[in-house]
Amino acid sequence: METIREGSFIIRAPLLVGSSNYGCWKAQKVAQVSSKALYAIFNGVDMEQFKMISTCEIAKKAWIILQNQHEGNVFVKMPKLQILAIEFVSLKMDEDETISNFYIRLCDIYDEVFCLGEHFSKVKLVRKVLHSLLERFVIKVTVIEEANDITTLRLDELISSLRTFE
């Protein structure tokens, strides 16, 4: 009885036997992985984005197109980050704003920065919240700063504490 060494399907990579067919095996494996990645990318985008990448034959090209579309290149990315940094620095809680709404605005800025490949440290976010609150929160901020180590305080714990006070 003869041993079957290779399947009859085109999508199946040949069986690697020693080093004699490594080049062929590697090329087919790379094509197979790229094909699966491209399929995943195609299924993860909406129709408008799909039209931009539908002619791509390898996943890397499709990924680069989508990355440039969403993040932009370095010349677009840096000004966006600078604008977001200015927004972050100037962020203050409004008089009629709740803690929840202020937290949403902070998260929006953080998410945009994160999507551009940068991030703020958790300590920086906690300090920003504490220093951006209204006068009515001064007592609560003082209590939080004295009772907790700000470097280990999580942002969600801080927001929960402030919501309770509100």
N, C-alpha and C. Protein backbone atom coordinates (compact mmCIF):
# COMPACT_ATOMS: atom_id res chain seq x y z
N MET A 1 0.84 -1.18 0.00
CA MET A 1 0.00 0.00 0.00
C MET A 1 0.89 1.24 0.00
N GLU A 2 0.61 2.19 -0.87
CA GLU A 2 1.44 3.38 -1.03
C GLU A 2 0.97 4.48 -0.08
N THR A 3 1.92 5.17 0.53
CA THR A 3 1.61 6.26 1.46
C THR A 3 1.29 7.53 0.67
N ILE A 4 0.22 8.20 1.06
CA ILE A 4 -0.14 9.46 0.41
C ILE A 4 0.68 10.56 1.05
N ARG A 5 1.46 11.26 0.25
CA ARG A 5 2.35 12.29 0.78
C ARG A 5 1.78 13.70 0.61
N GLU A 6 0.86 13.88 -0.28
CA GLU A 6 0.37 15.22 -0.57
C GLU A 6 -1.10 15.12 -0.93
N GLY A 7 -1.89 16.08 -0.45
CA GLY A 7 -3.30 16.09 -0.76
C GLY A 7 -3.56 16.54 -2.18
N SER A 8 -4.77 16.34 -2.62
CA SER A 8 -5.11 16.71 -3.99
C SER A 8 -5.64 18.14 -4.10
N PHE A 9 -5.82 18.82 -2.97
CA PHE A 9 -6.35 20.17 -3.01
C PHE A 9 -5.24 21.18 -3.24
N ILE A 10 -5.55 22.23 -3.99
CA ILE A 10 -4.57 23.26 -4.29
C ILE A 10 -4.23 24.08 -3.05
N ILE A 11 -5.20 24.30 -2.17
CA ILE A 11 -4.96 25.15 -1.01
C ILE A 11 -4.11 24.47 0.06
N ARG A 12 -3.92 23.20 -0.06
CA ARG A 12 -3.14 22.46 0.92
C ARG A 12 -1.66 22.51 0.54
N ALA A 13 -0.83 22.88 1.51
CA ALA A 13 0.61 22.93 1.26
C ALA A 13 1.15 21.51 1.15
N PRO A 14 2.19 21.31 0.36
CA PRO A 14 2.77 19.97 0.23
C PRO A 14 3.42 19.55 1.55
N LEU A 15 3.54 18.27 1.72
CA LEU A 15 4.20 17.73 2.89
C LEU A 15 5.68 18.05 2.82
N LEU A 16 6.23 18.55 3.90
CA LEU A 16 7.65 18.89 3.94
C LEU A 16 8.44 17.62 4.22
N VAL A 17 9.27 17.25 3.26
CA VAL A 17 10.09 16.05 3.39
C VAL A 17 11.55 16.49 3.37
N GLY A 18 12.17 16.54 4.55
CA GLY A 18 13.57 16.95 4.62
C GLY A 18 13.76 18.35 4.09
N SER A 19 14.86 18.56 3.40
CA SER A 19 15.13 19.87 2.83
C SER A 19 15.00 19.87 1.31
N SER A 20 14.58 18.76 0.75
CA SER A 20 14.52 18.65 -0.71
C SER A 20 13.44 19.53 -1.33
N ASN A 21 12.34 19.72 -0.66
CA ASN A 21 11.26 20.53 -1.23
C ASN A 21 10.92 21.74 -0.36
N TYR A 22 11.88 22.21 0.43
CA TYR A 22 11.62 23.31 1.35
C TYR A 22 11.21 24.59 0.62
N GLY A 23 11.87 24.93 -0.46
CA GLY A 23 11.55 26.16 -1.20
C GLY A 23 10.11 26.18 -1.68
N CYS A 24 9.68 25.08 -2.26
CA CYS A 24 8.29 24.96 -2.75
C CYS A 24 7.32 25.01 -1.57
N TRP A 25 7.66 24.27 -0.52
CA TRP A 25 6.79 24.21 0.66
C TRP A 25 6.63 25.60 1.28
N LYS A 26 7.74 26.33 1.43
CA LYS A 26 7.71 27.66 2.04
C LYS A 26 6.87 28.62 1.21
N ALA A 27 7.06 28.62 -0.11
CA ALA A 27 6.30 29.52 -0.99
C ALA A 27 4.81 29.26 -0.88
N GLN A 28 4.43 27.99 -0.86
CA GLN A 28 3.00 27.67 -0.75
C GLN A 28 2.45 28.01 0.62
N LYS A 29 3.24 27.81 1.68
CA LYS A 29 2.79 28.16 3.02
C LYS A 29 2.59 29.68 3.16
N VAL A 30 3.53 30.45 2.63
CA VAL A 30 3.42 31.92 2.68
C VAL A 30 2.18 32.37 1.93
N ALA A 31 1.94 31.80 0.77
CA ALA A 31 0.76 32.15 -0.02
C ALA A 31 -0.52 31.78 0.72
N GLN A 32 -0.50 30.63 1.37
CA GLN A 32 -1.67 30.17 2.11
C GLN A 32 -1.98 31.11 3.29
N VAL A 33 -0.96 31.48 4.04
CA VAL A 33 -1.16 32.36 5.19
C VAL A 33 -1.61 33.75 4.72
N SER A 34 -1.01 34.26 3.66
CA SER A 34 -1.40 35.57 3.13
C SER A 34 -2.85 35.53 2.64
N SER A 35 -3.23 34.43 2.03
CA SER A 35 -4.59 34.28 1.54
C SER A 35 -5.59 34.30 2.69
N LYS A 36 -5.27 33.61 3.77
CA LYS A 36 -6.16 33.60 4.94
C LYS A 36 -6.25 34.99 5.57
N ALA A 37 -5.12 35.67 5.66
CA ALA A 37 -5.11 37.02 6.24
C ALA A 37 -5.92 37.99 5.37
N LEU A 38 -5.76 37.89 4.07
CA LEU A 38 -6.50 38.76 3.16
C LEU A 38 -8.00 38.49 3.27
N TYR A 39 -8.37 37.24 3.39
CA TYR A 39 -9.77 36.86 3.56
C TYR A 39 -10.32 37.48 4.85
N ALA A 40 -9.54 37.42 5.93
CA ALA A 40 -9.98 38.00 7.20
C ALA A 40 -10.13 39.51 7.09
N ILE A 41 -9.20 40.16 6.40
CA ILE A 41 -9.28 41.62 6.22
C ILE A 41 -10.51 41.97 5.39
N PHE A 42 -10.74 41.26 4.30
CA PHE A 42 -11.90 41.52 3.45
C PHE A 42 -13.20 41.40 4.25
N ASN A 43 -13.28 40.43 5.14
CA ASN A 43 -14.50 40.22 5.92
C ASN A 43 -14.64 41.19 7.09
N GLY A 44 -13.59 41.92 7.41
CA GLY A 44 -13.63 42.82 8.55
C GLY A 44 -13.84 44.28 8.21
N VAL A 45 -14.06 44.59 6.94
CA VAL A 45 -14.22 45.98 6.54
C VAL A 45 -15.59 46.19 5.90
N ASP A 46 -16.02 47.45 5.88
CA ASP A 46 -17.29 47.75 5.24
C ASP A 46 -17.09 47.88 3.72
N MET A 47 -18.17 48.09 3.01
CA MET A 47 -18.13 48.08 1.55
C MET A 47 -17.24 49.19 0.98
N GLU A 48 -17.26 50.36 1.60
CA GLU A 48 -16.44 51.47 1.11
C GLU A 48 -14.95 51.15 1.22
N GLN A 49 -14.56 50.58 2.35
CA GLN A 49 -13.16 50.19 2.53
C GLN A 49 -12.80 49.01 1.63
N PHE A 50 -13.74 48.11 1.45
CA PHE A 50 -13.49 46.95 0.61
C PHE A 50 -13.17 47.38 -0.82
N LYS A 51 -13.85 48.42 -1.30
CA LYS A 51 -13.58 48.90 -2.65
C LYS A 51 -12.15 49.39 -2.80
N MET A 52 -11.58 49.94 -1.72
CA MET A 52 -10.20 50.43 -1.78
C MET A 52 -9.18 49.30 -1.85
N ILE A 53 -9.52 48.16 -1.23
CA ILE A 53 -8.53 47.08 -1.13
C ILE A 53 -8.89 45.85 -1.96
N SER A 54 -9.97 45.91 -2.70
CA SER A 54 -10.43 44.71 -3.41
C SER A 54 -9.47 44.22 -4.48
N THR A 55 -8.61 45.07 -4.99
CA THR A 55 -7.67 44.64 -6.03
C THR A 55 -6.37 44.10 -5.45
N CYS A 56 -6.20 44.18 -4.15
CA CYS A 56 -4.97 43.69 -3.51
C CYS A 56 -4.92 42.17 -3.57
N GLU A 57 -3.76 41.65 -3.87
CA GLU A 57 -3.59 40.21 -3.94
C GLU A 57 -2.88 39.64 -2.72
N ILE A 58 -2.23 40.50 -1.94
CA ILE A 58 -1.60 40.03 -0.71
C ILE A 58 -2.07 40.90 0.45
N ALA A 59 -2.10 40.29 1.62
CA ALA A 59 -2.64 40.95 2.81
C ALA A 59 -1.84 42.18 3.21
N LYS A 60 -0.55 42.14 3.04
CA LYS A 60 0.32 43.25 3.46
C LYS A 60 -0.07 44.55 2.74
N LYS A 61 -0.32 44.46 1.43
CA LYS A 61 -0.71 45.67 0.68
C LYS A 61 -2.06 46.20 1.16
N ALA A 62 -3.00 45.30 1.39
CA ALA A 62 -4.32 45.71 1.87
C ALA A 62 -4.20 46.37 3.24
N TRP A 63 -3.37 45.79 4.09
CA TRP A 63 -3.18 46.34 5.43
C TRP A 63 -2.57 47.74 5.38
N ILE A 64 -1.58 47.93 4.52
CA ILE A 64 -0.93 49.24 4.40
C ILE A 64 -1.92 50.29 3.91
N ILE A 65 -2.75 49.93 2.94
CA ILE A 65 -3.77 50.86 2.43
C ILE A 65 -4.73 51.26 3.56
N LEU A 66 -5.20 50.27 4.32
CA LEU A 66 -6.13 50.57 5.41
C LEU A 66 -5.46 51.38 6.52
N GLN A 67 -4.21 51.06 6.80
CA GLN A 67 -3.47 51.80 7.82
C GLN A 67 -3.30 53.26 7.43
N ASN A 68 -2.94 53.50 6.18
CA ASN A 68 -2.80 54.88 5.71
C ASN A 68 -4.14 55.60 5.69
N GLN A 69 -5.20 54.87 5.38
CA GLN A 69 -6.53 55.47 5.35
C GLN A 69 -6.96 55.92 6.75
N HIS A 70 -6.69 55.10 7.76
CA HIS A 70 -7.16 55.40 9.11
C HIS A 70 -6.20 56.27 9.91
N GLU A 71 -4.91 55.95 9.84
CA GLU A 71 -3.93 56.69 10.63
C GLU A 71 -3.28 57.81 9.84
N GLY A 72 -3.17 57.63 8.55
CA GLY A 72 -2.44 58.58 7.73
C GLY A 72 -0.96 58.26 7.79
N ASN A 73 -0.19 58.92 6.96
CA ASN A 73 1.25 58.71 7.02
C ASN A 73 1.84 59.62 8.10
N VAL A 74 3.14 59.64 8.24
CA VAL A 74 3.80 60.40 9.29
C VAL A 74 3.47 61.89 9.19
N PHE A 75 3.35 62.40 7.98
CA PHE A 75 3.09 63.83 7.79
C PHE A 75 1.67 64.22 8.21
N VAL A 76 0.77 63.27 8.24
CA VAL A 76 -0.60 63.52 8.69
C VAL A 76 -0.74 63.18 10.17
N LYS A 77 -0.06 62.14 10.59
CA LYS A 77 -0.18 61.62 11.94
C LYS A 77 0.34 62.60 13.00
N MET A 78 1.48 63.20 12.76
CA MET A 78 2.08 64.10 13.75
C MET A 78 1.21 65.34 14.03
N PRO A 79 0.69 66.02 13.01
CA PRO A 79 -0.21 67.15 13.33
C PRO A 79 -1.47 66.72 14.08
N LYS A 80 -2.01 65.55 13.73
CA LYS A 80 -3.18 65.05 14.46
C LYS A 80 -2.84 64.84 15.93
N LEU A 81 -1.68 64.24 16.19
CA LEU A 81 -1.25 64.01 17.57
C LEU A 81 -1.04 65.33 18.32
N GLN A 82 -0.50 66.33 17.63
CA GLN A 82 -0.28 67.63 18.27
C GLN A 82 -1.61 68.29 18.63
N ILE A 83 -2.57 68.20 17.73
CA ILE A 83 -3.90 68.76 17.99
C ILE A 83 -4.54 68.06 19.18
N LEU A 84 -4.43 66.73 19.22
CA LEU A 84 -5.00 65.97 20.33
C LEU A 84 -4.29 66.27 21.65
N ALA A 85 -2.99 66.50 21.59
CA ALA A 85 -2.25 66.86 22.81
C ALA A 85 -2.73 68.21 23.34
N ILE A 86 -2.98 69.15 22.45
CA ILE A 86 -3.50 70.46 22.85
C ILE A 86 -4.90 70.31 23.45
N GLU A 87 -5.73 69.48 22.83
CA GLU A 87 -7.07 69.22 23.37
C GLU A 87 -6.99 68.61 24.76
N PHE A 88 -6.05 67.68 24.93
CA PHE A 88 -5.87 67.02 26.22
C PHE A 88 -5.45 68.03 27.29
N VAL A 89 -4.50 68.87 26.97
CA VAL A 89 -4.00 69.87 27.93
C VAL A 89 -5.10 70.86 28.29
N SER A 90 -5.88 71.28 27.33
CA SER A 90 -6.90 72.30 27.58
C SER A 90 -8.23 71.72 28.09
N LEU A 91 -8.32 70.42 28.24
CA LEU A 91 -9.56 69.77 28.69
C LEU A 91 -9.87 70.15 30.13
N LYS A 92 -11.04 70.73 30.33
CA LYS A 92 -11.54 71.09 31.66
C LYS A 92 -13.00 70.70 31.74
N MET A 93 -13.43 70.40 32.93
CA MET A 93 -14.82 70.04 33.13
C MET A 93 -15.68 71.30 33.05
N ASP A 94 -16.79 71.22 32.30
CA ASP A 94 -17.72 72.35 32.18
C ASP A 94 -18.61 72.43 33.42
N GLU A 95 -19.17 73.61 33.66
CA GLU A 95 -20.00 73.84 34.85
C GLU A 95 -21.21 72.91 34.92
N ASP A 96 -21.87 72.70 33.80
CA ASP A 96 -23.09 71.90 33.79
C ASP A 96 -22.83 70.44 33.39
N GLU A 97 -21.59 70.03 33.38
CA GLU A 97 -21.21 68.69 32.92
C GLU A 97 -21.14 67.71 34.09
N THR A 98 -21.56 66.49 33.83
CA THR A 98 -21.45 65.44 34.84
C THR A 98 -20.08 64.76 34.72
N ILE A 99 -19.74 64.02 35.75
CA ILE A 99 -18.48 63.26 35.73
C ILE A 99 -18.49 62.28 34.57
N SER A 100 -19.61 61.64 34.33
CA SER A 100 -19.71 60.66 33.24
C SER A 100 -19.44 61.30 31.89
N ASN A 101 -20.02 62.47 31.64
CA ASN A 101 -19.80 63.14 30.36
C ASN A 101 -18.37 63.63 30.21
N PHE A 102 -17.79 64.12 31.30
CA PHE A 102 -16.39 64.54 31.26
C PHE A 102 -15.49 63.33 30.96
N TYR A 103 -15.77 62.22 31.60
CA TYR A 103 -15.00 60.99 31.38
C TYR A 103 -15.12 60.52 29.93
N ILE A 104 -16.29 60.66 29.35
CA ILE A 104 -16.49 60.29 27.94
C ILE A 104 -15.63 61.16 27.04
N ARG A 105 -15.60 62.47 27.31
CA ARG A 105 -14.75 63.37 26.50
C ARG A 105 -13.28 63.01 26.63
N LEU A 106 -12.85 62.69 27.85
CA LEU A 106 -11.46 62.28 28.07
C LEU A 106 -11.15 60.99 27.32
N CYS A 107 -12.06 60.03 27.39
CA CYS A 107 -11.86 58.75 26.69
C CYS A 107 -11.84 58.93 25.17
N ASP A 108 -12.64 59.85 24.65
CA ASP A 108 -12.63 60.12 23.21
C ASP A 108 -11.25 60.59 22.76
N ILE A 109 -10.66 61.51 23.51
CA ILE A 109 -9.32 62.00 23.16
C ILE A 109 -8.31 60.87 23.28
N TYR A 110 -8.39 60.12 24.37
CA TYR A 110 -7.45 59.02 24.58
C TYR A 110 -7.56 57.97 23.47
N ASP A 111 -8.78 57.64 23.07
CA ASP A 111 -8.98 56.64 22.01
C ASP A 111 -8.40 57.10 20.68
N GLU A 112 -8.57 58.37 20.35
CA GLU A 112 -8.00 58.89 19.10
C GLU A 112 -6.48 58.85 19.13
N VAL A 113 -5.90 59.20 20.26
CA VAL A 113 -4.44 59.14 20.40
C VAL A 113 -3.97 57.70 20.29
N PHE A 114 -4.68 56.79 20.93
CA PHE A 114 -4.32 55.37 20.89
C PHE A 114 -4.41 54.82 19.48
N CYS A 115 -5.42 55.23 18.73
CA CYS A 115 -5.57 54.77 17.34
C CYS A 115 -4.43 55.26 16.45
N LEU A 116 -3.79 56.33 16.85
CA LEU A 116 -2.65 56.85 16.09
C LEU A 116 -1.33 56.25 16.56
N GLY A 117 -1.40 55.28 17.46
CA GLY A 117 -0.20 54.57 17.87
C GLY A 117 0.50 55.12 19.09
N GLU A 118 -0.07 56.08 19.76
CA GLU A 118 0.53 56.66 20.97
C GLU A 118 -0.40 56.37 22.14
N HIS A 119 0.05 56.69 23.33
CA HIS A 119 -0.82 56.54 24.50
C HIS A 119 -0.36 57.45 25.63
N PHE A 120 -1.30 57.71 26.53
CA PHE A 120 -1.01 58.45 27.75
C PHE A 120 -0.88 57.41 28.86
N SER A 121 -0.01 57.66 29.81
CA SER A 121 0.11 56.73 30.94
C SER A 121 -1.15 56.86 31.81
N LYS A 122 -1.43 55.80 32.54
CA LYS A 122 -2.61 55.80 33.42
C LYS A 122 -2.47 56.88 34.50
N VAL A 123 -1.26 57.08 34.98
CA VAL A 123 -1.02 58.12 36.00
C VAL A 123 -1.33 59.50 35.43
N LYS A 124 -0.94 59.73 34.19
CA LYS A 124 -1.21 61.02 33.55
C LYS A 124 -2.71 61.26 33.41
N LEU A 125 -3.46 60.21 33.08
CA LEU A 125 -4.91 60.34 32.95
C LEU A 125 -5.56 60.62 34.31
N VAL A 126 -5.10 59.92 35.34
CA VAL A 126 -5.64 60.15 36.69
C VAL A 126 -5.36 61.58 37.14
N ARG A 127 -4.13 62.03 36.95
CA ARG A 127 -3.78 63.41 37.33
C ARG A 127 -4.59 64.43 36.54
N LYS A 128 -4.82 64.14 35.26
CA LYS A 128 -5.59 65.07 34.43
C LYS A 128 -7.01 65.21 34.96
N VAL A 129 -7.62 64.08 35.32
CA VAL A 129 -8.98 64.13 35.87
C VAL A 129 -8.99 64.93 37.17
N LEU A 130 -8.05 64.65 38.05
CA LEU A 130 -8.02 65.34 39.34
C LEU A 130 -7.82 66.85 39.20
N HIS A 131 -7.05 67.27 38.22
CA HIS A 131 -6.75 68.70 38.06
C HIS A 131 -7.74 69.42 37.13
N SER A 132 -8.65 68.68 36.53
CA SER A 132 -9.59 69.29 35.59
C SER A 132 -10.99 69.44 36.16
N LEU A 133 -11.17 69.05 37.39
CA LEU A 133 -12.50 69.09 37.99
C LEU A 133 -12.87 70.49 38.45
N LEU A 134 -14.16 70.67 38.70
CA LEU A 134 -14.69 71.96 39.15
C LEU A 134 -14.38 72.18 40.63
N GLU A 135 -14.64 73.41 41.08
CA GLU A 135 -14.39 73.81 42.47
C GLU A 135 -15.15 72.93 43.47
N ARG A 136 -16.33 72.50 43.10
CA ARG A 136 -17.14 71.72 44.04
C ARG A 136 -16.52 70.36 44.38
N PHE A 137 -15.53 69.93 43.60
CA PHE A 137 -14.86 68.65 43.84
C PHE A 137 -13.54 68.79 44.60
N VAL A 138 -13.18 69.99 45.00
CA VAL A 138 -11.87 70.22 45.64
C VAL A 138 -11.70 69.36 46.89
N ILE A 139 -12.73 69.30 47.72
CA ILE A 139 -12.65 68.51 48.95
C ILE A 139 -12.45 67.03 48.63
N LYS A 140 -13.21 66.54 47.69
CA LYS A 140 -13.11 65.12 47.31
C LYS A 140 -11.73 64.82 46.72
N VAL A 141 -11.21 65.71 45.89
CA VAL A 141 -9.88 65.53 45.30
C VAL A 141 -8.82 65.47 46.38
N THR A 142 -8.93 66.35 47.37
CA THR A 142 -7.96 66.35 48.48
C THR A 142 -8.02 65.04 49.25
N VAL A 143 -9.21 64.56 49.52
CA VAL A 143 -9.37 63.29 50.23
C VAL A 143 -8.78 62.14 49.42
N ILE A 144 -9.05 62.11 48.14
CA ILE A 144 -8.53 61.04 47.27
C ILE A 144 -7.01 61.08 47.22
N GLU A 145 -6.45 62.27 47.09
CA GLU A 145 -4.98 62.39 47.02
C GLU A 145 -4.31 61.97 48.32
N GLU A 146 -4.94 62.27 49.45
CA GLU A 146 -4.34 61.92 50.74
C GLU A 146 -4.55 60.45 51.09
N ALA A 147 -5.66 59.88 50.66
CA ALA A 147 -5.98 58.50 51.03
C ALA A 147 -5.38 57.47 50.08
N ASN A 148 -5.03 57.87 48.88
CA ASN A 148 -4.55 56.91 47.88
C ASN A 148 -3.20 57.31 47.33
N ASP A 149 -2.50 56.31 46.84
CA ASP A 149 -1.27 56.55 46.09
C ASP A 149 -1.70 56.80 44.65
N ILE A 150 -1.52 58.00 44.17
CA ILE A 150 -1.99 58.39 42.83
C ILE A 150 -1.34 57.54 41.74
N THR A 151 -0.12 57.08 41.98
CA THR A 151 0.58 56.29 40.95
C THR A 151 -0.02 54.90 40.78
N THR A 152 -0.78 54.43 41.77
CA THR A 152 -1.39 53.10 41.65
C THR A 152 -2.91 53.17 41.52
N LEU A 153 -3.47 54.35 41.64
CA LEU A 153 -4.92 54.51 41.54
C LEU A 153 -5.37 54.31 40.10
N ARG A 154 -6.35 53.44 39.93
CA ARG A 154 -6.87 53.19 38.59
C ARG A 154 -7.91 54.25 38.23
N LEU A 155 -7.97 54.55 36.94
CA LEU A 155 -8.88 55.59 36.46
C LEU A 155 -10.33 55.23 36.73
N ASP A 156 -10.71 53.98 36.53
CA ASP A 156 -12.10 53.58 36.76
C ASP A 156 -12.48 53.69 38.24
N GLU A 157 -11.53 53.41 39.15
CA GLU A 157 -11.79 53.59 40.58
C GLU A 157 -12.01 55.06 40.91
N LEU A 158 -11.19 55.91 40.34
CA LEU A 158 -11.32 57.35 40.56
C LEU A 158 -12.67 57.86 40.06
N ILE A 159 -13.04 57.47 38.86
CA ILE A 159 -14.32 57.92 38.29
C ILE A 159 -15.48 57.43 39.14
N SER A 160 -15.43 56.18 39.59
CA SER A 160 -16.50 55.65 40.46
C SER A 160 -16.62 56.45 41.74
N SER A 161 -15.48 56.78 42.33
CA SER A 161 -15.48 57.57 43.56
C SER A 161 -16.06 58.96 43.32
N LEU A 162 -15.70 59.57 42.21
CA LEU A 162 -16.22 60.90 41.89
C LEU A 162 -17.71 60.86 41.56
N ARG A 163 -18.17 59.81 40.92
CA ARG A 163 -19.61 59.68 40.62
C ARG A 163 -20.40 59.58 41.92
N THR A 164 -19.86 58.83 42.87
CA THR A 164 -20.52 58.69 44.17
C THR A 164 -20.64 60.04 44.86
N PHE A 165 -19.58 60.81 44.81
CA PHE A 165 -19.58 62.14 45.42
C PHE A 165 -20.54 63.08 44.71
N GLU A 166 -20.65 62.94 43.42
CA GLU A 166 -21.51 63.82 42.61
C GLU A 166 -22.96 63.59 42.97
